[in-house]
């Protein structure tokens, strides 16, 4: 058995576990993260907006004063949703 990493026609990185006699890396057992297109992106946009407002991040200067503010807003908006995909 061998593990191969490849990029599909849409530009997504893929992992396949291949038997020794498999000739094509697109065959075999595919491994990868859950499908993030299942996330409700409209809700994420709203919640990210609200997280930025809640952290008073309105201007570039606000962002410079709060170095972790944007990162914190993004993580608080996405983390539980992405972990939820793994739980399904």
PDB file of N, CA and C in Angstrom:
ATOM      1  N   UNK A   1       0.849  -1.182   0.000  1.00  0.00           N
ATOM      2  CA  UNK A   1       0.000   0.000   0.000  1.00  0.00           C
ATOM      3  C   UNK A   1       0.891   1.240   0.000  1.00  0.00           C
ATOM      4  N   UNK A   2       0.406   2.257  -0.686  1.00  0.00           N
ATOM      5  CA  UNK A   2       1.132   3.522  -0.682  1.00  0.00           C
ATOM      6  C   UNK A   2       0.124   4.660  -0.674  1.00  0.00           C
ATOM      7  N   UNK A   3       0.560   5.781  -0.142  1.00  0.00           N
ATOM      8  CA  UNK A   3      -0.279   6.979  -0.081  1.00  0.00           C
ATOM      9  C   UNK A   3       0.253   7.963  -1.102  1.00  0.00           C
ATOM     10  N   UNK A   4      -0.656   8.508  -1.901  1.00  0.00           N
ATOM     11  CA  UNK A   4      -0.255   9.479  -2.908  1.00  0.00           C
ATOM     12  C   UNK A   4      -1.096  10.743  -2.769  1.00  0.00           C
ATOM     13  N   UNK A   5      -0.461  11.863  -2.983  1.00  0.00           N
ATOM     14  CA  UNK A   5      -1.120  13.175  -2.934  1.00  0.00           C
ATOM     15  C   UNK A   5      -1.158  13.708  -4.359  1.00  0.00           C
ATOM     16  N   UNK A   6      -2.312  14.218  -4.781  1.00  0.00           N
ATOM     17  CA  UNK A   6      -2.452  14.701  -6.142  1.00  0.00           C
ATOM     18  C   UNK A   6      -3.453  15.847  -6.173  1.00  0.00           C
ATOM     19  N   UNK A   7      -3.513  16.546  -7.290  1.00  0.00           N
ATOM     20  CA  UNK A   7      -4.427  17.679  -7.466  1.00  0.00           C
ATOM     21  C   UNK A   7      -5.397  17.327  -8.585  1.00  0.00           C
ATOM     22  N   UNK A   8      -6.708  17.465  -8.293  1.00  0.00           N
ATOM     23  CA  UNK A   8      -7.709  17.113  -9.302  1.00  0.00           C
ATOM     24  C   UNK A   8      -7.872  18.246 -10.322  1.00  0.00           C
ATOM     25  N   UNK A   9      -8.757  18.037 -11.278  1.00  0.00           N
ATOM     26  CA  UNK A   9      -8.958  19.006 -12.362  1.00  0.00           C
ATOM     27  C   UNK A   9      -9.485  20.349 -11.878  1.00  0.00           C
ATOM     28  N   UNK A  10     -10.093  20.375 -10.681  1.00  0.00           N
ATOM     29  CA  UNK A  10     -10.631  21.617 -10.127  1.00  0.00           C
ATOM     30  C   UNK A  10      -9.633  22.329  -9.219  1.00  0.00           C
ATOM     31  N   UNK A  11      -8.443  21.750  -9.048  1.00  0.00           N
ATOM     32  CA  UNK A  11      -7.412  22.370  -8.227  1.00  0.00           C
ATOM     33  C   UNK A  11      -7.403  21.940  -6.770  1.00  0.00           C
ATOM     34  N   UNK A  12      -8.251  20.961  -6.409  1.00  0.00           N
ATOM     35  CA  UNK A  12      -8.292  20.468  -5.031  1.00  0.00           C
ATOM     36  C   UNK A  12      -7.201  19.442  -4.803  1.00  0.00           C
ATOM     37  N   UNK A  13      -6.512  19.558  -3.670  1.00  0.00           N
ATOM     38  CA  UNK A  13      -5.544  18.533  -3.283  1.00  0.00           C
ATOM     39  C   UNK A  13      -6.307  17.303  -2.825  1.00  0.00           C
ATOM     40  N   UNK A  14      -5.835  16.138  -3.225  1.00  0.00           N
ATOM     41  CA  UNK A  14      -6.479  14.872  -2.874  1.00  0.00           C
ATOM     42  C   UNK A  14      -5.430  13.904  -2.336  1.00  0.00           C
ATOM     43  N   UNK A  15      -5.882  12.964  -1.537  1.00  0.00           N
ATOM     44  CA  UNK A  15      -5.045  11.879  -1.030  1.00  0.00           C
ATOM     45  C   UNK A  15      -5.734  10.574  -1.420  1.00  0.00           C
ATOM     46  N   UNK A  16      -4.969   9.636  -1.937  1.00  0.00           N
ATOM     47  CA  UNK A  16      -5.488   8.299  -2.246  1.00  0.00           C
ATOM     48  C   UNK A  16      -4.553   7.272  -1.634  1.00  0.00           C
ATOM     49  N   UNK A  17      -5.146   6.229  -1.079  1.00  0.00           N
ATOM     50  CA  UNK A  17      -4.379   5.083  -0.612  1.00  0.00           C
ATOM     51  C   UNK A  17      -4.486   4.032  -1.701  1.00  0.00           C
ATOM     52  N   UNK A  18      -3.344   3.682  -2.268  1.00  0.00           N
ATOM     53  CA  UNK A  18      -3.320   2.801  -3.427  1.00  0.00           C
ATOM     54  C   UNK A  18      -2.746   1.430  -3.077  1.00  0.00           C
ATOM     55  N   UNK A  19      -3.285   0.421  -3.728  1.00  0.00           N
ATOM     56  CA  UNK A  19      -2.665  -0.902  -3.663  1.00  0.00           C
ATOM     57  C   UNK A  19      -1.404  -0.857  -4.515  1.00  0.00           C
ATOM     58  N   UNK A  20      -0.527  -1.750  -4.273  1.00  0.00           N
ATOM     59  CA  UNK A  20       0.740  -1.768  -5.013  1.00  0.00           C
ATOM     60  C   UNK A  20       0.537  -1.918  -6.517  1.00  0.00           C
ATOM     61  N   UNK A  21      -0.560  -2.572  -6.932  1.00  0.00           N
ATOM     62  CA  UNK A  21      -0.785  -2.790  -8.360  1.00  0.00           C
ATOM     63  C   UNK A  21      -1.682  -1.733  -9.009  1.00  0.00           C
ATOM     64  N   UNK A  22      -2.158  -0.731  -8.242  1.00  0.00           N
ATOM     65  CA  UNK A  22      -2.939   0.357  -8.841  1.00  0.00           C
ATOM     66  C   UNK A  22      -2.019   1.205  -9.715  1.00  0.00           C
ATOM     67  N   UNK A  23      -2.493   1.513 -10.920  1.00  0.00           N
ATOM     68  CA  UNK A  23      -1.672   2.284 -11.847  1.00  0.00           C
ATOM     69  C   UNK A  23      -1.997   3.766 -11.829  1.00  0.00           C
ATOM     70  N   UNK A  24      -3.199   4.123 -11.480  1.00  0.00           N
ATOM     71  CA  UNK A  24      -3.659   5.510 -11.557  1.00  0.00           C
ATOM     72  C   UNK A  24      -3.917   6.026 -10.152  1.00  0.00           C
ATOM     73  N   UNK A  25      -3.369   7.206  -9.828  1.00  0.00           N
ATOM     74  CA  UNK A  25      -3.525   7.726  -8.474  1.00  0.00           C
ATOM     75  C   UNK A  25      -4.953   8.142  -8.141  1.00  0.00           C
ATOM     76  N   UNK A  26      -5.823   8.249  -9.139  1.00  0.00           N
ATOM     77  CA  UNK A  26      -7.212   8.597  -8.856  1.00  0.00           C
ATOM     78  C   UNK A  26      -8.006   7.387  -8.396  1.00  0.00           C
ATOM     79  N   UNK A  27      -7.403   6.190  -8.493  1.00  0.00           N
ATOM     80  CA  UNK A  27      -8.041   4.976  -8.002  1.00  0.00           C
ATOM     81  C   UNK A  27      -7.654   4.770  -6.549  1.00  0.00           C
ATOM     82  N   UNK A  28      -8.139   3.745  -5.967  1.00  0.00           N
ATOM     83  CA  UNK A  28      -7.813   3.468  -4.578  1.00  0.00           C
ATOM     84  C   UNK A  28      -8.803   4.126  -3.640  1.00  0.00           C
ATOM     85  N   UNK A  29      -8.467   4.124  -2.386  1.00  0.00           N
ATOM     86  CA  UNK A  29      -9.334   4.685  -1.346  1.00  0.00           C
ATOM     87  C   UNK A  29      -8.979   6.146  -1.147  1.00  0.00           C
ATOM     88  N   UNK A  30      -9.952   7.008  -1.405  1.00  0.00           N
ATOM     89  CA  UNK A  30      -9.713   8.449  -1.243  1.00  0.00           C
ATOM     90  C   UNK A  30      -9.906   8.852   0.209  1.00  0.00           C
ATOM     91  N   UNK A  31      -9.016   9.682   0.686  1.00  0.00           N
ATOM     92  CA  UNK A  31      -9.105  10.228   2.032  1.00  0.00           C
ATOM     93  C   UNK A  31      -9.123  11.746   1.906  1.00  0.00           C
ATOM     94  N   UNK A  32      -9.802  12.398   2.845  1.00  0.00           N
ATOM     95  CA  UNK A  32      -9.799  13.855   2.812  1.00  0.00           C
ATOM     96  C   UNK A  32     -10.744  14.420   3.849  1.00  0.00           C
ATOM     97  N   UNK A  33     -10.725  15.726   3.976  1.00  0.00           N
ATOM     98  CA  UNK A  33     -11.609  16.384   4.935  1.00  0.00           C
ATOM     99  C   UNK A  33     -13.060  16.324   4.455  1.00  0.00           C
ATOM    100  N   UNK A  34     -13.991  16.655   5.338  1.00  0.00           N
ATOM    101  CA  UNK A  34     -15.394  16.688   4.917  1.00  0.00           C
ATOM    102  C   UNK A  34     -15.628  17.798   3.886  1.00  0.00           C
ATOM    103  N   UNK A  35     -16.737  17.703   3.211  1.00  0.00           N
ATOM    104  CA  UNK A  35     -17.105  18.655   2.164  1.00  0.00           C
ATOM    105  C   UNK A  35     -17.523  19.982   2.783  1.00  0.00           C
ATOM    106  N   UNK A  36     -16.676  21.011   2.664  1.00  0.00           N
ATOM    107  CA  UNK A  36     -16.981  22.308   3.273  1.00  0.00           C
ATOM    108  C   UNK A  36     -18.065  23.082   2.527  1.00  0.00           C
ATOM    109  N   UNK A  37     -18.444  22.610   1.339  1.00  0.00           N
ATOM    110  CA  UNK A  37     -19.554  23.274   0.654  1.00  0.00           C
ATOM    111  C   UNK A  37     -20.871  23.029   1.385  1.00  0.00           C
ATOM    112  N   UNK A  38     -20.862  22.080   2.330  1.00  0.00           N
ATOM    113  CA  UNK A  38     -22.057  21.820   3.130  1.00  0.00           C
ATOM    114  C   UNK A  38     -22.293  22.906   4.180  1.00  0.00           C
ATOM    115  N   UNK A  39     -21.298  23.763   4.403  1.00  0.00           N
ATOM    116  CA  UNK A  39     -21.467  24.845   5.378  1.00  0.00           C
ATOM    117  C   UNK A  39     -22.462  25.870   4.846  1.00  0.00           C
ATOM    118  N   UNK A  40     -23.192  26.483   5.750  1.00  0.00           N
ATOM    119  CA  UNK A  40     -24.151  27.532   5.378  1.00  0.00           C
ATOM    120  C   UNK A  40     -23.394  28.859   5.316  1.00  0.00           C
ATOM    121  N   UNK A  41     -22.901  29.188   4.127  1.00  0.00           N
ATOM    122  CA  UNK A  41     -22.038  30.357   3.977  1.00  0.00           C
ATOM    123  C   UNK A  41     -22.777  31.666   4.212  1.00  0.00           C
ATOM    124  N   UNK A  42     -24.079  31.725   3.975  1.00  0.00           N
ATOM    125  CA  UNK A  42     -24.840  32.945   4.282  1.00  0.00           C
ATOM    126  C   UNK A  42     -24.820  33.211   5.787  1.00  0.00           C
ATOM    127  N   UNK A  43     -24.999  32.166   6.589  1.00  0.00           N
ATOM    128  CA  UNK A  43     -24.925  32.319   8.046  1.00  0.00           C
ATOM    129  C   UNK A  43     -23.519  32.698   8.487  1.00  0.00           C
ATOM    130  N   UNK A  44     -22.520  32.124   7.846  1.00  0.00           N
ATOM    131  CA  UNK A  44     -21.133  32.428   8.201  1.00  0.00           C
ATOM    132  C   UNK A  44     -20.820  33.889   7.925  1.00  0.00           C
ATOM    133  N   UNK A  45     -21.265  34.403   6.790  1.00  0.00           N
ATOM    134  CA  UNK A  45     -21.042  35.809   6.449  1.00  0.00           C
ATOM    135  C   UNK A  45     -21.679  36.710   7.509  1.00  0.00           C
ATOM    136  N   UNK A  46     -22.918  36.408   7.880  1.00  0.00           N
ATOM    137  CA  UNK A  46     -23.606  37.205   8.904  1.00  0.00           C
ATOM    138  C   UNK A  46     -22.867  37.144  10.231  1.00  0.00           C
ATOM    139  N   UNK A  47     -22.507  35.933  10.655  1.00  0.00           N
ATOM    140  CA  UNK A  47     -21.846  35.776  11.951  1.00  0.00           C
ATOM    141  C   UNK A  47     -20.457  36.401  11.963  1.00  0.00           C
ATOM    142  N   UNK A  48     -19.743  36.346  10.848  1.00  0.00           N
ATOM    143  CA  UNK A  48     -18.436  37.002  10.777  1.00  0.00           C
ATOM    144  C   UNK A  48     -18.604  38.510  10.871  1.00  0.00           C
ATOM    145  N   UNK A  49     -19.568  39.038  10.164  1.00  0.00           N
ATOM    146  CA  UNK A  49     -19.863  40.475  10.255  1.00  0.00           C
ATOM    147  C   UNK A  49     -20.133  40.861  11.708  1.00  0.00           C
ATOM    148  N   UNK A  50     -20.991  40.095  12.364  1.00  0.00           N
ATOM    149  CA  UNK A  50     -21.339  40.408  13.752  1.00  0.00           C
ATOM    150  C   UNK A  50     -20.141  40.277  14.684  1.00  0.00           C
ATOM    151  N   UNK A  51     -19.260  39.307  14.420  1.00  0.00           N
ATOM    152  CA  UNK A  51     -18.051  39.154  15.241  1.00  0.00           C
ATOM    153  C   UNK A  51     -17.114  40.343  15.056  1.00  0.00           C
ATOM    154  N   UNK A  52     -17.003  40.848  13.845  1.00  0.00           N
ATOM    155  CA  UNK A  52     -16.169  42.029  13.599  1.00  0.00           C
ATOM    156  C   UNK A  52     -16.754  43.260  14.278  1.00  0.00           C
ATOM    157  N   UNK A  53     -18.062  43.419  14.203  1.00  0.00           N
ATOM    158  CA  UNK A  53     -18.719  44.534  14.896  1.00  0.00           C
ATOM    159  C   UNK A  53     -18.533  44.392  16.404  1.00  0.00           C
ATOM    160  N   UNK A  54     -18.702  43.192  16.926  1.00  0.00           N
ATOM    161  CA  UNK A  54     -18.550  42.953  18.355  1.00  0.00           C
ATOM    162  C   UNK A  54     -17.154  43.259  18.866  1.00  0.00           C
ATOM    163  N   UNK A  55     -16.165  43.194  17.986  1.00  0.00           N
ATOM    164  CA  UNK A  55     -14.781  43.504  18.356  1.00  0.00           C
ATOM    165  C   UNK A  55     -14.392  44.929  17.957  1.00  0.00           C
ATOM    166  N   UNK A  56     -15.380  45.722  17.537  1.00  0.00           N
ATOM    167  CA  UNK A  56     -15.170  47.121  17.119  1.00  0.00           C
ATOM    168  C   UNK A  56     -14.115  47.249  16.023  1.00  0.00           C
ATOM    169  N   UNK A  57     -14.158  46.347  15.055  1.00  0.00           N
ATOM    170  CA  UNK A  57     -13.218  46.368  13.939  1.00  0.00           C
ATOM    171  C   UNK A  57     -13.911  46.958  12.716  1.00  0.00           C
ATOM    172  N   UNK A  58     -13.833  48.279  12.605  1.00  0.00           N
ATOM    173  CA  UNK A  58     -14.539  48.994  11.543  1.00  0.00           C
ATOM    174  C   UNK A  58     -13.603  49.542  10.475  1.00  0.00           C
ATOM    175  N   UNK A  59     -12.349  49.843  10.857  1.00  0.00           N
ATOM    176  CA  UNK A  59     -11.398  50.448   9.927  1.00  0.00           C
ATOM    177  C   UNK A  59     -10.083  49.663   9.963  1.00  0.00           C
ATOM    178  N   UNK A  60      -9.234  49.967   9.002  1.00  0.00           N
ATOM    179  CA  UNK A  60      -7.915  49.346   8.974  1.00  0.00           C
ATOM    180  C   UNK A  60      -7.124  49.693  10.240  1.00  0.00           C
ATOM    181  N   UNK A  61      -7.294  50.904  10.707  1.00  0.00           N
ATOM    182  CA  UNK A  61      -6.609  51.325  11.934  1.00  0.00           C
ATOM    183  C   UNK A  61      -7.085  50.490  13.128  1.00  0.00           C
ATOM    184  N   UNK A  62      -8.387  50.185  13.178  1.00  0.00           N
ATOM    185  CA  UNK A  62      -8.913  49.322  14.244  1.00  0.00           C
ATOM    186  C   UNK A  62      -8.239  47.948  14.196  1.00  0.00           C
ATOM    187  N   UNK A  63      -8.068  47.439  12.993  1.00  0.00           N
ATOM    188  CA  UNK A  63      -7.440  46.126  12.825  1.00  0.00           C
ATOM    189  C   UNK A  63      -5.984  46.173  13.282  1.00  0.00           C
ATOM    190  N   UNK A  64      -5.281  47.251  12.948  1.00  0.00           N
ATOM    191  CA  UNK A  64      -3.885  47.387  13.371  1.00  0.00           C
ATOM    192  C   UNK A  64      -3.762  47.460  14.888  1.00  0.00           C
ATOM    193  N   UNK A  65      -4.716  48.104  15.555  1.00  0.00           N
ATOM    194  CA  UNK A  65      -4.693  48.203  17.023  1.00  0.00           C
ATOM    195  C   UNK A  65      -5.026  46.869  17.685  1.00  0.00           C
ATOM    196  N   UNK A  66      -5.807  46.046  17.023  1.00  0.00           N
ATOM    197  CA  UNK A  66      -6.214  44.758  17.583  1.00  0.00           C
ATOM    198  C   UNK A  66      -5.656  43.650  16.695  1.00  0.00           C
ATOM    199  N   UNK A  67      -4.396  43.323  16.860  1.00  0.00           N
ATOM    200  CA  UNK A  67      -3.709  42.381  15.983  1.00  0.00           C
ATOM    201  C   UNK A  67      -4.411  41.026  15.880  1.00  0.00           C
ATOM    202  N   UNK A  68      -4.984  40.557  16.959  1.00  0.00           N
ATOM    203  CA  UNK A  68      -5.638  39.242  16.940  1.00  0.00           C
ATOM    204  C   UNK A  68      -7.135  39.329  16.678  1.00  0.00           C
ATOM    205  N   UNK A  69      -7.657  40.527  16.517  1.00  0.00           N
ATOM    206  CA  UNK A  69      -9.095  40.704  16.380  1.00  0.00           C
ATOM    207  C   UNK A  69      -9.704  40.007  15.185  1.00  0.00           C
ATOM    208  N   UNK A  70      -9.101  40.174  14.018  1.00  0.00           N
ATOM    209  CA  UNK A  70      -9.641  39.565  12.796  1.00  0.00           C
ATOM    210  C   UNK A  70      -9.514  38.048  12.871  1.00  0.00           C
ATOM    211  N   UNK A  71      -8.358  37.575  13.304  1.00  0.00           N
ATOM    212  CA  UNK A  71      -8.145  36.129  13.423  1.00  0.00           C
ATOM    213  C   UNK A  71      -9.140  35.527  14.399  1.00  0.00           C
ATOM    214  N   UNK A  72      -9.327  36.180  15.511  1.00  0.00           N
ATOM    215  CA  UNK A  72     -10.273  35.698  16.517  1.00  0.00           C
ATOM    216  C   UNK A  72     -11.700  35.671  15.973  1.00  0.00           C
ATOM    217  N   UNK A  73     -12.071  36.695  15.226  1.00  0.00           N
ATOM    218  CA  UNK A  73     -13.419  36.753  14.641  1.00  0.00           C
ATOM    219  C   UNK A  73     -13.628  35.605  13.653  1.00  0.00           C
ATOM    220  N   UNK A  74     -12.634  35.359  12.814  1.00  0.00           N
ATOM    221  CA  UNK A  74     -12.738  34.280  11.825  1.00  0.00           C
ATOM    222  C   UNK A  74     -12.816  32.926  12.514  1.00  0.00           C
ATOM    223  N   UNK A  75     -11.923  32.695  13.468  1.00  0.00           N
ATOM    224  CA  UNK A  75     -11.922  31.403  14.161  1.00  0.00           C
ATOM    225  C   UNK A  75     -13.217  31.168  14.926  1.00  0.00           C
ATOM    226  N   UNK A  76     -13.722  32.206  15.593  1.00  0.00           N
ATOM    227  CA  UNK A  76     -14.952  32.016  16.365  1.00  0.00           C
ATOM    228  C   UNK A  76     -16.142  31.733  15.454  1.00  0.00           C
ATOM    229  N   UNK A  77     -16.077  32.228  14.237  1.00  0.00           N
ATOM    230  CA  UNK A  77     -17.159  32.018  13.284  1.00  0.00           C
ATOM    231  C   UNK A  77     -17.092  30.644  12.629  1.00  0.00           C
ATOM    232  N   UNK A  78     -15.900  30.165  12.332  1.00  0.00           N
ATOM    233  CA  UNK A  78     -15.751  28.948  11.542  1.00  0.00           C
ATOM    234  C   UNK A  78     -15.464  27.675  12.335  1.00  0.00           C
ATOM    235  N   UNK A  79     -14.726  27.765  13.407  1.00  0.00           N
ATOM    236  CA  UNK A  79     -14.205  26.569  14.085  1.00  0.00           C
ATOM    237  C   UNK A  79     -15.290  25.545  14.406  1.00  0.00           C
ATOM    238  N   UNK A  80     -16.337  25.949  15.114  1.00  0.00           N
ATOM    239  CA  UNK A  80     -17.348  24.956  15.531  1.00  0.00           C
ATOM    240  C   UNK A  80     -18.102  24.375  14.338  1.00  0.00           C
ATOM    241  N   UNK A  81     -18.270  25.168  13.293  1.00  0.00           N
ATOM    242  CA  UNK A  81     -18.963  24.649  12.108  1.00  0.00           C
ATOM    243  C   UNK A  81     -18.118  23.594  11.384  1.00  0.00           C
ATOM    244  N   UNK A  82     -16.834  23.856  11.248  1.00  0.00           N
ATOM    245  CA  UNK A  82     -15.964  22.891  10.573  1.00  0.00           C
ATOM    246  C   UNK A  82     -15.821  21.629  11.406  1.00  0.00           C
ATOM    247  N   UNK A  83     -15.649  21.768  12.713  1.00  0.00           N
ATOM    248  CA  UNK A  83     -15.576  20.592  13.593  1.00  0.00           C
ATOM    249  C   UNK A  83     -16.872  19.810  13.506  1.00  0.00           C
ATOM    250  N   UNK A  84     -18.004  20.501  13.403  1.00  0.00           N
ATOM    251  CA  UNK A  84     -19.286  19.839  13.248  1.00  0.00           C
ATOM    252  C   UNK A  84     -19.364  18.959  12.016  1.00  0.00           C
ATOM    253  N   UNK A  85     -18.709  19.398  10.911  1.00  0.00           N
ATOM    254  CA  UNK A  85     -18.676  18.571   9.704  1.00  0.00           C
ATOM    255  C   UNK A  85     -17.947  17.254   9.964  1.00  0.00           C
ATOM    256  N   UNK A  86     -16.884  17.304  10.743  1.00  0.00           N
ATOM    257  CA  UNK A  86     -16.140  16.071  11.066  1.00  0.00           C
ATOM    258  C   UNK A  86     -16.976  15.128  11.939  1.00  0.00           C
ATOM    259  N   UNK A  87     -17.849  15.695  12.749  1.00  0.00           N
ATOM    260  CA  UNK A  87     -18.670  14.862  13.649  1.00  0.00           C
ATOM    261  C   UNK A  87     -19.770  14.131  12.906  1.00  0.00           C
ATOM    262  N   UNK A  88     -20.179  14.628  11.769  1.00  0.00           N
ATOM    263  CA  UNK A  88     -21.296  14.021  11.016  1.00  0.00           C
ATOM    264  C   UNK A  88     -20.914  12.685  10.444  1.00  0.00           C
TER     265      UNK A  88
END
